[in-house]
Amino acid sequence: MRLVSVVVPVYNEEKGIERFCLKELFPELKKLENYSLELIFINDGSPDKTLEKLNSLIKDPSAPKTTKIISFSKNFGKEAALTAGFRLAKGDCAISLDSDGQQPPSLIPKFLEKWESGARIVTGVRDGYTKHGLIPRLGSKLFYKLLKMMGNNSTVPGSTDFRLLDRVALDEFNALTEHSRITRGLIDWLGFRQEYIKYRYGTRIAGRPAYNLKKLFRLAIDSFVSMSSTPLVIFGYVGIIITVLSFLLGVFCLINQYLLGDPLGLYWPGAVHMAILITFLVGLVLISQAITAIYISNIYTEAKNRPLYIIDKENSKL
């Protein structure tokens, strides 16, 4: 019987964790009679009574026999919680989902079906919202568009941390050593066969989201920086545009005023010439910064220490 690990990060969910587990998670896990189960709660340093609730829940008769609670000394963030859960998971596959009720546990059997069909990674993709603010929706669309513009074509818009990782993909993910990490981006980077399941993003059972606009903005910035080197060199492109335009404008000014005698009657004084020269020099400075950024990008890539390649042993003949 194959072992399935279910990883649930939890932060400040004292008001809703009991309902989520007793009404949604535990009943759905009980239906998986063909699998052995390992449930891992990661308490991300919750200052409320979440840990007390979890300690009570694991004693409930409906809880899986193998249920663990990992409690952080402080709040390290969801990315750290997911990483800890995946590293501790012993299953043939691991499924991660949130504890606020927005990701329905009823879809777990579908995730397992995709896995049994050969998928190494199964990803839940938001396909609409039950209730969600206008600003978060627009922000999400803008985020994925910018991510694609920066060269990341592997992440499907609407992808969430509701995921299944096969043991092979899980081991490769656990081998990644970088500290500043975006879990969904790293999983997509692995490149194994991936299937997708669309679902409607639900409403929170109780409490307020842990991610406010400030944290979401920081998460977006971290995603851009960790998954693409474009932010390092973007001003280099701006510098090239400024340099080319100012150079062309300077040539036009010289030809019009000094070679042709200003037939257009523009009469640009010396201050205009100086402004064009300064703009040209600013463009050169931005280009030189971009060259420096390329070197920094290479250093950054080396510091992350990701493997040069990943071998799909199932599809290889060794």
Protein backbone atom coordinates (compact mmCIF):
# COMPACT_ATOMS: atom_id res chain seq x y z
CA MET A 1 0.00 0.00 0.00
CA ARG A 2 1.52 3.32 -1.09
CA LEU A 3 2.11 6.03 1.48
CA VAL A 4 0.69 9.53 0.88
CA SER A 5 2.01 12.45 2.94
CA VAL A 6 -0.29 15.44 3.39
CA VAL A 7 1.49 18.66 4.37
CA VAL A 8 -0.59 21.45 5.91
CA PRO A 9 1.09 24.74 6.92
CA VAL A 10 -0.83 26.53 9.65
CA TYR A 11 -0.57 30.09 10.94
CA ASN A 12 -3.05 31.83 13.25
CA GLU A 13 -5.95 29.52 12.42
CA GLU A 14 -7.35 28.94 15.92
CA LYS A 15 -10.84 30.00 14.83
CA GLY A 16 -11.11 27.75 11.81
CA ILE A 17 -8.68 24.84 12.10
CA GLU A 18 -11.10 22.56 13.97
CA ARG A 19 -13.87 23.03 11.43
CA PHE A 20 -11.45 22.58 8.53
CA CYS A 21 -10.05 19.33 9.92
CA LEU A 22 -13.20 17.76 11.34
CA LYS A 23 -15.62 18.80 8.58
CA GLU A 24 -13.37 18.76 5.50
CA LEU A 25 -9.86 17.31 5.78
CA PHE A 26 -10.29 14.25 8.02
CA PRO A 27 -13.46 12.95 6.28
CA GLU A 28 -11.80 13.23 2.85
CA LEU A 29 -8.64 11.48 4.02
CA LYS A 30 -10.71 8.70 5.54
CA LYS A 31 -12.09 7.92 2.06
CA LEU A 32 -8.59 7.08 0.79
CA GLU A 33 -8.80 3.44 1.84
CA ASN A 34 -6.29 2.27 -0.77
CA TYR A 35 -3.47 4.38 0.65
CA SER A 36 -1.54 4.67 3.87
CA LEU A 37 -1.60 8.22 5.18
CA GLU A 38 0.81 10.53 6.92
CA LEU A 39 -0.53 13.94 7.95
CA ILE A 40 1.99 16.65 8.82
CA PHE A 41 0.90 19.96 10.33
CA ILE A 42 3.51 22.74 10.27
CA ASN A 43 2.68 25.33 12.93
CA ASP A 44 4.47 28.42 11.62
CA GLY A 45 5.05 30.05 15.01
CA SER A 46 1.39 30.98 15.55
CA PRO A 47 1.06 33.37 18.53
CA ASP A 48 -2.59 32.43 19.09
CA LYS A 49 -3.99 29.09 20.31
CA THR A 50 -3.46 27.24 17.02
CA LEU A 51 -0.95 24.83 18.55
CA GLU A 52 -3.38 23.91 21.35
CA LYS A 53 -6.09 23.21 18.78
CA LEU A 54 -3.73 21.01 16.76
CA ASN A 55 -2.70 19.01 19.81
CA SER A 56 -6.37 18.39 20.51
CA LEU A 57 -7.18 17.48 16.91
CA ILE A 58 -4.56 14.75 16.57
CA LYS A 59 -6.28 12.92 19.43
CA ASP A 60 -9.59 12.90 17.57
CA PRO A 61 -10.67 9.39 16.43
CA SER A 62 -11.18 10.61 12.86
CA ALA A 63 -7.59 11.85 12.53
CA PRO A 64 -5.15 9.66 10.55
CA LYS A 65 -3.15 7.34 12.78
CA THR A 66 0.11 8.88 11.67
CA THR A 67 -0.34 12.58 12.37
CA LYS A 68 2.58 14.83 13.22
CA ILE A 69 2.88 18.42 14.42
CA ILE A 70 6.01 20.40 13.64
CA SER A 71 6.04 23.72 15.50
CA PHE A 72 8.45 26.52 14.58
CA SER A 73 10.06 28.67 17.26
CA LYS A 74 8.71 31.77 15.48
CA ASN A 75 6.99 32.75 12.26
CA PHE A 76 9.38 31.91 9.41
CA GLY A 77 6.80 32.19 6.63
CA LYS A 78 4.84 29.82 4.43
CA GLU A 79 7.76 29.02 2.14
CA ALA A 80 9.81 27.75 5.09
CA ALA A 81 6.81 25.80 6.41
CA LEU A 82 6.25 24.05 3.08
CA THR A 83 9.96 23.28 2.79
CA ALA A 84 10.00 21.73 6.26
CA GLY A 85 6.91 19.66 5.50
CA PHE A 86 8.32 18.33 2.24
CA ARG A 87 11.63 17.47 3.86
CA LEU A 88 9.89 15.52 6.63
CA ALA A 89 7.46 13.73 4.30
CA LYS A 90 8.19 10.01 3.96
CA GLY A 91 5.44 9.20 1.48
CA ASP A 92 5.61 7.98 -2.09
CA CYS A 93 4.09 11.36 -2.83
CA ALA A 94 3.34 14.50 -0.83
CA ILE A 95 0.31 16.80 -1.12
CA SER A 96 0.37 20.34 0.24
CA LEU A 97 -2.72 22.46 0.88
CA ASP A 98 -3.71 25.43 2.99
CA SER A 99 -5.62 25.13 6.25
CA ASP A 100 -8.05 28.01 5.70
CA GLY A 101 -10.57 26.09 3.58
CA GLN A 102 -9.89 27.91 0.32
CA GLN A 103 -8.33 24.81 -1.24
CA PRO A 104 -10.88 21.95 -1.09
CA PRO A 105 -9.55 18.62 0.27
CA SER A 106 -12.29 16.92 -1.77
CA LEU A 107 -9.97 17.28 -4.79
CA ILE A 108 -7.24 15.10 -3.27
CA PRO A 109 -8.55 11.93 -5.00
CA LYS A 110 -8.26 13.71 -8.37
CA PHE A 111 -4.68 14.67 -7.56
CA LEU A 112 -3.92 11.02 -6.78
CA GLU A 113 -5.57 9.89 -10.03
CA LYS A 114 -3.28 12.17 -12.02
CA TRP A 115 -0.32 10.84 -10.05
CA GLU A 116 -1.29 7.22 -10.63
CA SER A 117 -1.51 8.04 -14.34
CA GLY A 118 2.15 9.01 -14.38
CA ALA A 119 2.32 12.69 -13.43
CA ARG A 120 5.30 13.61 -11.27
CA ILE A 121 3.74 16.91 -10.23
CA VAL A 122 0.07 17.87 -10.01
CA THR A 123 -0.80 21.53 -9.55
CA GLY A 124 -4.05 23.14 -8.47
CA VAL A 125 -4.92 26.16 -10.61
CA ARG A 126 -7.43 28.81 -9.56
CA ASP A 127 -10.33 28.95 -12.00
CA GLY A 128 -12.41 31.72 -10.48
CA TYR A 129 -13.14 32.83 -6.94
CA THR A 130 -16.04 32.27 -4.60
CA LYS A 131 -15.30 35.63 -2.98
CA HIS A 132 -12.23 37.74 -3.56
CA GLY A 133 -11.45 41.46 -3.63
CA LEU A 134 -10.97 43.36 -6.87
CA ILE A 135 -7.46 44.55 -5.99
CA PRO A 136 -6.10 41.03 -5.21
CA ARG A 137 -7.60 39.73 -8.49
CA LEU A 138 -6.05 42.51 -10.57
CA GLY A 139 -2.78 42.13 -8.68
CA SER A 140 -2.70 38.42 -9.42
CA LYS A 141 -3.25 38.97 -13.17
CA LEU A 142 -0.58 41.67 -13.27
CA PHE A 143 1.86 39.46 -11.38
CA TYR A 144 1.62 36.57 -13.85
CA LYS A 145 1.87 38.90 -16.85
CA LEU A 146 5.02 40.51 -15.45
CA LEU A 147 6.44 37.09 -14.60
CA LYS A 148 5.93 35.97 -18.18
CA MET A 149 7.50 39.17 -19.51
CA MET A 150 10.57 38.40 -17.43
CA GLY A 151 11.04 35.08 -19.19
CA ASN A 152 9.25 32.66 -16.84
CA ASN A 153 7.01 30.63 -19.14
CA SER A 154 6.82 27.53 -16.93
CA THR A 155 4.45 28.92 -14.30
CA VAL A 156 0.78 28.67 -15.32
CA PRO A 157 -1.30 31.74 -14.34
CA GLY A 158 -3.38 30.98 -11.26
CA SER A 159 -1.05 28.24 -9.99
CA THR A 160 -1.22 27.73 -6.24
CA ASP A 161 0.58 25.81 -3.52
CA PHE A 162 -2.15 23.16 -3.67
CA ARG A 163 0.22 20.56 -5.16
CA LEU A 164 1.21 16.94 -5.33
CA LEU A 165 4.85 15.94 -5.70
CA ASP A 166 5.93 12.43 -6.59
CA ARG A 167 8.77 10.97 -4.52
CA VAL A 168 11.25 11.62 -7.34
CA ALA A 169 10.23 15.27 -7.67
CA LEU A 170 10.12 15.59 -3.90
CA ASP A 171 13.69 14.36 -3.49
CA GLU A 172 14.91 16.77 -6.17
CA PHE A 173 13.05 19.66 -4.52
CA ASN A 174 14.56 18.78 -1.15
CA ALA A 175 18.03 18.85 -2.72
CA LEU A 176 17.69 22.57 -3.54
CA THR A 177 19.73 24.57 -1.04
CA GLU A 178 18.79 28.24 -1.56
CA HIS A 179 17.29 30.12 1.38
CA SER A 180 15.32 32.82 -0.45
CA ARG A 181 12.79 30.59 -2.17
CA ILE A 182 9.38 30.62 -3.83
CA THR A 183 8.09 27.06 -3.56
CA ARG A 184 5.80 27.05 -6.57
CA GLY A 185 8.51 28.58 -8.75
CA LEU A 186 11.09 26.01 -7.69
CA ILE A 187 8.66 23.15 -8.29
CA ASP A 188 7.94 24.43 -11.79
CA TRP A 189 11.68 24.79 -12.39
CA LEU A 190 12.18 21.06 -11.76
CA GLY A 191 10.63 20.37 -15.14
CA PHE A 192 9.04 16.96 -14.55
CA ARG A 193 5.79 15.95 -16.22
CA GLN A 194 3.13 18.13 -14.70
CA GLU A 195 -0.66 17.92 -14.76
CA TYR A 196 -3.14 20.60 -13.71
CA ILE A 197 -6.45 20.57 -11.87
CA LYS A 198 -8.65 23.66 -12.01
CA TYR A 199 -10.73 24.55 -8.99
CA ARG A 200 -12.75 27.43 -7.65
CA TYR A 201 -10.92 29.31 -4.93
CA GLY A 202 -13.11 29.19 -1.83
CA THR A 203 -13.65 31.57 1.04
CA ARG A 204 -11.80 31.43 4.33
CA ILE A 205 -13.50 29.44 7.06
CA ALA A 206 -12.60 32.03 9.68
CA GLY A 207 -10.09 34.71 10.52
CA ARG A 208 -8.16 37.02 8.24
CA PRO A 209 -5.61 36.15 5.53
CA ALA A 210 -2.02 35.96 6.71
CA TYR A 211 -0.93 37.65 3.48
CA ASN A 212 -1.82 41.34 3.43
CA LEU A 213 -1.04 43.60 0.47
CA LYS A 214 2.41 44.38 1.84
CA LYS A 215 3.33 40.70 2.15
CA LEU A 216 1.85 39.89 -1.26
CA PHE A 217 3.92 42.67 -2.80
CA ARG A 218 7.05 41.34 -1.10
CA LEU A 219 6.21 37.83 -2.33
CA ALA A 220 5.88 39.15 -5.88
CA ILE A 221 9.24 40.93 -5.68
CA ASP A 222 10.90 37.79 -4.28
CA SER A 223 9.37 35.77 -7.13
CA PHE A 224 10.74 38.12 -9.76
CA VAL A 225 14.20 38.17 -8.18
CA SER A 226 14.52 34.45 -7.45
CA MET A 227 13.14 33.16 -10.75
CA SER A 228 14.56 35.68 -13.20
CA SER A 229 17.68 37.82 -13.65
CA THR A 230 15.73 40.38 -15.72
CA PRO A 231 15.35 42.89 -12.83
CA LEU A 232 19.14 43.13 -12.70
CA VAL A 233 19.53 44.20 -16.30
CA ILE A 234 16.23 45.95 -17.03
CA PHE A 235 17.78 49.40 -16.64
CA GLY A 236 20.43 48.36 -19.13
CA TYR A 237 17.70 48.17 -21.76
CA VAL A 238 16.46 51.58 -20.64
CA GLY A 239 20.04 52.87 -20.94
CA ILE A 240 20.36 51.56 -24.48
CA ILE A 241 17.12 53.28 -25.51
CA ILE A 242 18.18 56.57 -23.88
CA THR A 243 21.64 56.42 -25.44
CA VAL A 244 20.40 55.68 -28.95
CA LEU A 245 17.67 58.34 -28.87
CA SER A 246 19.94 61.03 -27.40
CA PHE A 247 22.66 60.20 -29.94
CA LEU A 248 20.23 60.48 -32.85
CA LEU A 249 18.85 63.72 -31.44
CA GLY A 250 22.37 65.11 -31.05
CA VAL A 251 23.29 64.21 -34.64
CA PHE A 252 20.07 65.80 -35.88
CA CYS A 253 20.80 68.96 -33.89
CA LEU A 254 24.35 69.26 -35.28
CA ILE A 255 23.29 68.70 -38.88
CA ASN A 256 20.28 71.01 -38.67
CA GLN A 257 21.98 73.91 -36.92
CA TYR A 258 25.60 73.86 -38.01
CA LEU A 259 25.65 72.15 -41.43
CA LEU A 260 22.32 73.30 -42.84
CA GLY A 261 22.05 76.64 -41.03
CA ASP A 262 18.89 75.74 -39.09
CA PRO A 263 16.41 75.67 -42.02
CA LEU A 264 13.69 74.49 -39.63
CA GLY A 265 14.11 77.54 -37.42
CA LEU A 266 14.39 75.52 -34.22
CA TYR A 267 17.25 77.57 -32.73
CA TRP A 268 18.33 75.28 -29.94
CA PRO A 269 20.70 77.14 -27.60
CA GLY A 270 23.77 75.68 -25.89
CA ALA A 271 21.71 74.58 -22.86
CA VAL A 272 19.78 72.18 -25.10
CA HIS A 273 23.01 70.77 -26.48
CA MET A 274 24.29 70.26 -22.94
CA ALA A 275 21.04 68.50 -21.92
CA ILE A 276 21.36 66.13 -24.88
CA LEU A 277 24.97 65.37 -23.95
CA ILE A 278 24.05 64.71 -20.30
CA THR A 279 21.21 62.44 -21.37
CA PHE A 280 23.62 60.54 -23.62
CA LEU A 281 26.06 60.11 -20.72
CA VAL A 282 23.25 58.94 -18.40
CA GLY A 283 22.43 56.25 -20.94
CA LEU A 284 26.06 55.13 -20.97
CA VAL A 285 26.06 54.96 -17.17
CA LEU A 286 22.93 52.76 -17.19
CA ILE A 287 24.51 50.48 -19.79
CA SER A 288 27.65 50.12 -17.65
CA GLN A 289 25.46 49.28 -14.65
CA ALA A 290 23.74 46.60 -16.72
CA ILE A 291 27.12 45.07 -17.57
CA THR A 292 27.96 45.01 -13.86
CA ALA A 293 24.53 43.48 -13.19
CA ILE A 294 25.26 40.63 -15.58
CA TYR A 295 28.32 39.74 -13.51
CA ILE A 296 26.23 39.99 -10.34
CA SER A 297 23.62 37.75 -11.94
CA ASN A 298 26.25 35.09 -12.59
CA ILE A 299 27.44 35.34 -8.98
CA TYR A 300 23.83 35.08 -7.79
CA THR A 301 23.26 31.98 -9.89
CA GLU A 302 26.38 30.34 -8.48
CA ALA A 303 25.36 31.26 -4.92
CA LYS A 304 21.97 29.54 -5.32
CA ASN A 305 23.89 26.34 -6.04
CA ARG A 306 21.09 24.66 -7.99
CA PRO A 307 22.02 21.48 -9.84
CA LEU A 308 23.10 21.94 -13.45
CA TYR A 309 20.57 19.35 -14.59
CA ILE A 310 18.03 16.82 -13.34
CA ILE A 311 17.83 13.35 -14.88
CA ASP A 312 14.41 11.79 -15.36
CA LYS A 313 15.54 8.25 -14.61
CA GLU A 314 12.22 6.68 -15.60
CA ASN A 315 12.56 7.93 -19.17
CA SER A 316 16.32 7.42 -19.39
CA LYS A 317 18.30 4.34 -20.32
CA LEU A 318 21.33 4.22 -18.07
